[in-house]
Amino acid sequence: MNADLWRTGPETAYAEWQHAEATGADRRAFAERSIVQHRAMFARFHRYLTSHSVAVTEFGTDHIDGFFADLNRDCAPGTSTRLRYLKLLDRLSRHLSMLGLRTDNPAASLLPQEHWPEDEPVPVFLWPDEDARLQELCRVVDFESFKEMRNRAIVAALLGTGITAAELTALTVGDLEVGTRPSVFVKKRGPRIARRVPIDAFGVELLRAYAKAREGQAVNDGLLFMATASGKSMKPGTLGQCVQAALRLVGATADDESPRLLRNTYGRRHLLEGKTNEQVSNLLGLSSRRTATRLRETILDPGDDDDRTADTA
């Protein structure tokens, strides 16, 4: 590829390199999901460099440290985000050196100081009996109001598809399919590529009834789940309240009673049903199998497809 493109259009050059030449530790080409996430990571690093008037051919360890200082404001401590960025910058620096655009690799001296977190917290999830009780709650009943049906449908969507809170709040009316193959279409968001997720059987009837009720609302276009009649989106705190209220009704508790609890429960349920780490990761829209691996570790018989992929980001 044209080395000058790294000077004039670094993000375009990075994208071309990822598709044409870049490989992981096993020398295999990266999967499309990994490429999407790598590009998003590089774009964020490049924005930092640009804001400090530094070219990708010139950044040093001080710039990496400065970038991580910014990154720490958005990332929880003890995660692998820093290590993943260092691996990306190490590959990038080695590639630029091969092209004659750099003479050093500032990430190389920082990598030995980083390790995969060994004490990651156990992911929160509901035990199968609690999951079953919550599924039973996701039935069609005589709801007192549209709001009550909406709140219960939110729980059914989170527990029955494993989508994130942000993905749920972005769903539009057209994204919900309640015909012969019930599913939700999740649009591309950040590093996650677009995907269509089947709705688990227990949640289909409620979401079908909700879709019909939603059609009768004054706002016929726009968001599937609205906070107000004017069409405003749901806030994270409101989604959390929906989850907490449902848990109280079935006598379940957890350390983290947020939508994440239902997402993890969904993933763990599908592992228990026999799906592989890769299949569950795909359902969750993740390029790495790390979350699925951690969920599988909570199951007494972890199987044999534990796959900690250090280079898939």
Protein backbone atom coordinates (compact mmCIF):
# COMPACT_ATOMS: atom_id res chain seq x y z
CA MET A 1 0.00 0.00 0.00
CA ASN A 2 1.04 3.64 -0.47
CA ALA A 3 3.09 4.69 2.56
CA ASP A 4 2.19 8.36 2.00
CA LEU A 5 -1.42 7.58 2.86
CA TRP A 6 -0.35 7.15 6.48
CA ARG A 7 0.62 10.84 6.43
CA THR A 8 -2.41 12.19 4.57
CA GLY A 9 -5.19 9.87 5.71
CA PRO A 10 -4.14 7.69 8.65
CA GLU A 11 -7.59 6.23 9.34
CA THR A 12 -8.06 5.27 5.69
CA ALA A 13 -4.57 3.77 5.66
CA TYR A 14 -5.33 1.82 8.83
CA ALA A 15 -8.55 0.44 7.37
CA GLU A 16 -6.79 -0.69 4.18
CA TRP A 17 -3.98 -2.29 6.17
CA GLN A 18 -6.42 -4.18 8.41
CA HIS A 19 -8.25 -5.69 5.47
CA ALA A 20 -5.22 -6.36 3.28
CA GLU A 21 -2.35 -7.36 5.54
CA ALA A 22 -2.82 -7.17 9.31
CA THR A 23 -2.79 -10.42 11.30
CA GLY A 24 -3.04 -11.44 14.92
CA ALA A 25 -0.67 -13.37 17.12
CA ASP A 26 -1.53 -16.62 15.32
CA ARG A 27 -0.65 -15.01 11.94
CA ARG A 28 -4.24 -15.36 10.76
CA ALA A 29 -6.21 -12.45 9.31
CA PHE A 30 -8.51 -10.72 11.78
CA ALA A 31 -12.23 -11.47 11.71
CA GLU A 32 -14.50 -8.72 10.41
CA ARG A 33 -15.82 -8.01 13.91
CA SER A 34 -12.27 -7.53 15.18
CA ILE A 35 -11.42 -5.23 12.28
CA VAL A 36 -14.44 -3.05 13.07
CA GLN A 37 -13.39 -2.75 16.70
CA HIS A 38 -9.71 -2.17 15.88
CA ARG A 39 -10.68 0.65 13.52
CA ALA A 40 -12.82 2.27 16.22
CA MET A 41 -9.95 2.00 18.70
CA PHE A 42 -7.44 3.46 16.25
CA ALA A 43 -9.84 6.29 15.36
CA ARG A 44 -10.07 7.24 19.04
CA PHE A 45 -6.29 7.21 19.44
CA HIS A 46 -5.88 9.20 16.23
CA ARG A 47 -8.37 11.82 17.46
CA TYR A 48 -6.26 12.21 20.59
CA LEU A 49 -3.09 12.64 18.54
CA THR A 50 -4.77 15.15 16.23
CA SER A 51 -5.99 17.20 19.19
CA HIS A 52 -2.35 17.43 20.29
CA SER A 53 -0.99 18.09 16.78
CA VAL A 54 0.95 14.82 16.71
CA ALA A 55 1.19 12.52 13.66
CA VAL A 56 0.91 8.73 13.86
CA THR A 57 4.51 8.58 12.66
CA GLU A 58 5.70 10.69 15.60
CA PHE A 59 3.88 9.68 18.81
CA GLY A 60 5.94 8.47 21.76
CA THR A 61 5.41 6.86 25.16
CA ASP A 62 4.40 10.23 26.63
CA HIS A 63 1.56 10.50 24.14
CA ILE A 64 0.43 6.94 24.92
CA ASP A 65 0.44 7.76 28.64
CA GLY A 66 -1.55 10.93 27.98
CA PHE A 67 -4.07 9.00 25.91
CA PHE A 68 -4.50 6.43 28.68
CA ALA A 69 -5.05 9.21 31.20
CA ASP A 70 -8.00 10.36 29.07
CA LEU A 71 -9.17 6.79 28.53
CA ASN A 72 -9.21 6.02 32.26
CA ARG A 73 -12.09 8.46 32.70
CA ASP A 74 -14.31 6.19 30.58
CA CYS A 75 -13.06 2.71 31.48
CA ALA A 76 -13.48 0.80 34.70
CA PRO A 77 -10.24 -0.10 36.49
CA GLY A 78 -8.97 -3.65 36.23
CA THR A 79 -10.17 -4.24 32.67
CA SER A 80 -8.07 -5.30 29.68
CA THR A 81 -8.68 -2.10 27.68
CA ARG A 82 -5.18 -0.68 28.25
CA LEU A 83 -3.51 -3.94 27.21
CA ARG A 84 -5.66 -4.19 24.09
CA TYR A 85 -4.64 -0.68 23.03
CA LEU A 86 -0.97 -1.42 23.66
CA LYS A 87 -1.18 -4.54 21.48
CA LEU A 88 -2.82 -2.48 18.75
CA LEU A 89 -0.19 0.27 18.97
CA ASP A 90 2.60 -2.30 19.04
CA ARG A 91 1.33 -3.86 15.79
CA LEU A 92 0.88 -0.41 14.28
CA SER A 93 4.38 0.79 15.23
CA ARG A 94 6.00 -2.36 13.86
CA HIS A 95 4.11 -1.94 10.60
CA LEU A 96 5.09 1.72 10.25
CA SER A 97 8.71 0.79 10.95
CA MET A 98 8.58 -1.78 8.13
CA LEU A 99 7.35 0.98 5.81
CA GLY A 100 10.22 3.24 6.89
CA LEU A 101 7.84 5.73 8.53
CA ARG A 102 9.09 5.16 12.07
CA THR A 103 12.37 4.19 13.67
CA ASP A 104 10.98 3.20 17.07
CA ASN A 105 8.14 1.32 18.75
CA PRO A 106 7.00 3.25 21.85
CA ALA A 107 4.45 0.59 22.78
CA ALA A 108 7.10 -2.15 23.05
CA SER A 109 8.56 -0.82 26.29
CA LEU A 110 5.10 -0.51 27.88
CA LEU A 111 3.75 -3.95 26.96
CA PRO A 112 5.81 -5.99 29.49
CA GLN A 113 4.26 -3.95 32.30
CA GLU A 114 0.71 -5.03 31.37
CA HIS A 115 -1.00 -8.36 31.98
CA TRP A 116 -4.46 -9.79 31.48
CA PRO A 117 -6.50 -9.09 34.62
CA GLU A 118 -6.46 -12.20 36.78
CA ASP A 119 -9.02 -11.00 39.31
CA GLU A 120 -11.87 -9.85 37.10
CA PRO A 121 -15.10 -9.83 39.08
CA VAL A 122 -17.47 -12.73 38.57
CA PRO A 123 -20.16 -11.52 36.15
CA VAL A 124 -23.57 -10.97 37.69
CA PHE A 125 -26.37 -13.27 36.53
CA LEU A 126 -29.59 -14.88 37.71
CA TRP A 127 -29.59 -18.56 38.63
CA PRO A 128 -31.77 -20.76 36.40
CA ASP A 129 -34.65 -20.89 38.90
CA GLU A 130 -34.65 -17.10 39.19
CA ASP A 131 -34.37 -16.79 35.41
CA ALA A 132 -37.37 -19.13 35.03
CA ARG A 133 -39.46 -17.04 37.44
CA LEU A 134 -38.58 -13.85 35.60
CA GLN A 135 -39.44 -15.49 32.28
CA GLU A 136 -42.83 -16.47 33.72
CA LEU A 137 -43.38 -12.82 34.61
CA CYS A 138 -42.98 -11.91 30.93
CA ARG A 139 -46.46 -13.12 30.04
CA VAL A 140 -49.37 -11.26 28.50
CA VAL A 141 -51.77 -10.23 31.27
CA ASP A 142 -54.35 -7.48 31.73
CA PHE A 143 -51.99 -4.58 32.28
CA GLU A 144 -53.45 -1.53 33.99
CA SER A 145 -51.77 0.88 31.60
CA PHE A 146 -49.62 1.13 28.50
CA LYS A 147 -46.73 2.19 30.75
CA GLU A 148 -47.01 -1.00 32.80
CA MET A 149 -47.00 -3.10 29.62
CA ARG A 150 -44.04 -1.11 28.29
CA ASN A 151 -42.01 -1.70 31.44
CA ARG A 152 -42.69 -5.44 31.37
CA ALA A 153 -41.93 -5.59 27.63
CA ILE A 154 -38.58 -3.92 28.32
CA VAL A 155 -37.71 -6.72 30.73
CA ALA A 156 -38.81 -9.33 28.16
CA ALA A 157 -36.66 -7.69 25.48
CA LEU A 158 -33.56 -7.48 27.67
CA LEU A 159 -33.94 -11.00 29.08
CA GLY A 160 -35.02 -12.54 25.77
CA THR A 161 -32.42 -11.02 23.42
CA GLY A 162 -29.40 -10.09 25.55
CA ILE A 163 -29.12 -6.65 23.95
CA THR A 164 -27.56 -3.81 25.92
CA ALA A 165 -29.49 -0.95 27.50
CA ALA A 166 -28.11 1.44 24.89
CA GLU A 167 -29.15 -0.88 22.08
CA LEU A 168 -32.64 -1.21 23.51
CA THR A 169 -33.16 2.54 23.83
CA ALA A 170 -32.13 2.96 20.18
CA LEU A 171 -34.60 0.37 18.82
CA THR A 172 -37.22 1.76 16.47
CA VAL A 173 -40.66 0.36 15.77
CA GLY A 174 -39.37 -1.20 12.54
CA ASP A 175 -36.54 -3.00 14.32
CA LEU A 176 -38.93 -5.38 16.09
CA GLU A 177 -40.11 -8.35 14.01
CA VAL A 178 -42.93 -10.33 15.63
CA GLY A 179 -44.02 -12.44 12.65
CA THR A 180 -42.97 -15.99 11.88
CA ARG A 181 -39.35 -15.37 12.96
CA PRO A 182 -39.53 -13.02 15.96
CA SER A 183 -36.36 -10.98 16.33
CA VAL A 184 -34.92 -7.53 16.89
CA PHE A 185 -32.58 -5.78 14.50
CA VAL A 186 -29.73 -4.06 16.33
CA LYS A 187 -28.11 -1.30 14.32
CA LYS A 188 -24.36 -0.76 14.23
CA ARG A 189 -23.19 1.03 17.35
CA GLY A 190 -19.52 1.87 17.96
CA PRO A 191 -17.35 -1.22 17.39
CA ARG A 192 -20.37 -3.56 17.31
CA ILE A 193 -21.58 -4.47 13.85
CA ALA A 194 -25.29 -4.65 13.02
CA ARG A 195 -26.99 -7.92 13.86
CA ARG A 196 -30.43 -9.53 14.04
CA VAL A 197 -31.12 -11.34 17.31
CA PRO A 198 -33.88 -13.96 17.66
CA ILE A 199 -36.26 -13.40 20.59
CA ASP A 200 -36.33 -16.29 23.04
CA ALA A 201 -39.74 -18.00 23.00
CA PHE A 202 -40.92 -16.83 26.43
CA GLY A 203 -40.82 -13.16 25.39
CA VAL A 204 -42.48 -13.38 21.98
CA GLU A 205 -46.15 -13.06 22.92
CA LEU A 206 -45.60 -10.10 25.23
CA LEU A 207 -43.48 -8.25 22.68
CA ARG A 208 -46.05 -9.04 19.99
CA ALA A 209 -48.81 -7.61 22.18
CA TYR A 210 -46.66 -4.61 23.00
CA ALA A 211 -45.95 -3.97 19.31
CA LYS A 212 -49.68 -3.87 18.65
CA ALA A 213 -50.28 -1.52 21.58
CA ARG A 214 -47.39 0.67 20.44
CA GLU A 215 -49.10 1.12 17.07
CA GLY A 216 -52.00 2.77 18.87
CA GLN A 217 -49.83 5.46 20.38
CA ALA A 218 -49.89 8.98 18.98
CA VAL A 219 -46.25 8.73 17.91
CA ASN A 220 -46.43 6.17 15.11
CA ASP A 221 -42.84 6.58 13.94
CA GLY A 222 -39.66 6.52 15.98
CA LEU A 223 -38.54 4.69 19.06
CA LEU A 224 -39.98 1.34 20.05
CA PHE A 225 -39.75 2.16 23.76
CA MET A 226 -40.63 5.77 24.60
CA ALA A 227 -40.25 7.53 27.93
CA THR A 228 -43.01 10.02 27.17
CA ALA A 229 -45.92 10.39 24.77
CA SER A 230 -43.86 12.94 22.83
CA GLY A 231 -41.39 10.22 21.87
CA LYS A 232 -38.43 10.95 24.15
CA SER A 233 -35.99 8.09 24.67
CA MET A 234 -35.74 6.01 27.81
CA LYS A 235 -33.09 6.98 30.36
CA PRO A 236 -30.70 4.38 31.82
CA GLY A 237 -32.08 4.96 35.30
CA THR A 238 -35.62 4.21 34.14
CA LEU A 239 -34.51 0.94 32.53
CA GLY A 240 -32.82 0.00 35.79
CA GLN A 241 -36.06 0.69 37.66
CA CYS A 242 -37.94 -1.63 35.27
CA VAL A 243 -35.45 -4.42 36.00
CA GLN A 244 -35.50 -3.84 39.76
CA ALA A 245 -39.31 -3.80 39.93
CA ALA A 246 -39.50 -7.10 38.02
CA LEU A 247 -36.90 -8.71 40.28
CA ARG A 248 -38.87 -7.69 43.38
CA LEU A 249 -41.99 -9.33 41.95
CA VAL A 250 -40.23 -12.71 41.54
CA GLY A 251 -38.23 -12.52 44.78
CA ALA A 252 -34.82 -12.25 43.12
CA THR A 253 -31.89 -10.03 44.08
CA ALA A 254 -28.41 -9.33 42.72
CA ASP A 255 -25.45 -7.09 43.44
CA ASP A 256 -26.02 -5.29 40.14
CA GLU A 257 -29.70 -5.03 39.25
CA SER A 258 -29.16 -3.23 35.96
CA PRO A 259 -29.90 -4.37 32.40
CA ARG A 260 -26.42 -5.95 32.44
CA LEU A 261 -27.78 -8.58 34.83
CA LEU A 262 -30.35 -9.71 32.25
CA ARG A 263 -27.82 -9.59 29.41
CA ASN A 264 -25.45 -11.89 31.33
CA THR A 265 -28.34 -14.17 32.29
CA TYR A 266 -29.29 -14.45 28.62
CA GLY A 267 -25.72 -15.33 27.63
CA ARG A 268 -25.33 -17.88 30.42
CA ARG A 269 -28.69 -19.46 29.56
CA HIS A 270 -27.57 -20.06 26.00
CA LEU A 271 -24.29 -21.56 27.17
CA LEU A 272 -26.26 -23.93 29.40
CA GLU A 273 -28.38 -24.86 26.38
CA GLY A 274 -25.26 -25.98 24.53
CA LYS A 275 -24.14 -23.01 22.47
CA THR A 276 -20.41 -22.38 22.08
CA ASN A 277 -18.56 -19.32 23.32
CA GLU A 278 -18.37 -18.07 19.74
CA GLN A 279 -22.12 -18.45 19.17
CA VAL A 280 -22.99 -16.62 22.38
CA SER A 281 -20.50 -13.86 21.62
CA ASN A 282 -22.12 -13.41 18.21
CA LEU A 283 -25.58 -13.18 19.80
CA LEU A 284 -24.26 -10.54 22.21
CA GLY A 285 -22.59 -8.62 19.38
CA LEU A 286 -19.09 -9.07 20.79
CA SER A 287 -15.93 -9.56 18.74
CA SER A 288 -14.10 -11.13 21.69
CA ARG A 289 -15.19 -14.31 23.46
CA ARG A 290 -14.00 -12.99 26.80
CA THR A 291 -17.46 -12.32 28.23
CA ALA A 292 -18.72 -15.74 27.15
CA THR A 293 -15.60 -17.34 28.65
CA ARG A 294 -16.18 -15.62 31.99
CA LEU A 295 -19.83 -16.67 31.98
CA ARG A 296 -18.87 -20.26 31.18
CA GLU A 297 -16.49 -20.26 34.15
CA THR A 298 -19.54 -19.82 36.40
CA ILE A 299 -20.92 -23.15 35.17
CA LEU A 300 -19.76 -26.27 37.02
CA ASP A 301 -18.81 -28.09 33.82
CA PRO A 302 -17.04 -25.39 31.80
CA GLY A 303 -16.68 -27.50 28.63
CA ASP A 304 -13.67 -27.36 26.39
CA ASP A 305 -14.12 -24.23 24.28
CA ASP A 306 -12.73 -21.69 26.73
CA ASP A 307 -11.11 -19.24 24.36
CA ARG A 308 -9.28 -16.25 25.74
CA THR A 309 -8.40 -14.43 22.56
CA ALA A 310 -5.90 -11.75 23.41
CA ASP A 311 -5.76 -10.18 19.97
CA THR A 312 -9.39 -9.95 18.92
CA ALA A 313 -10.13 -6.87 21.05
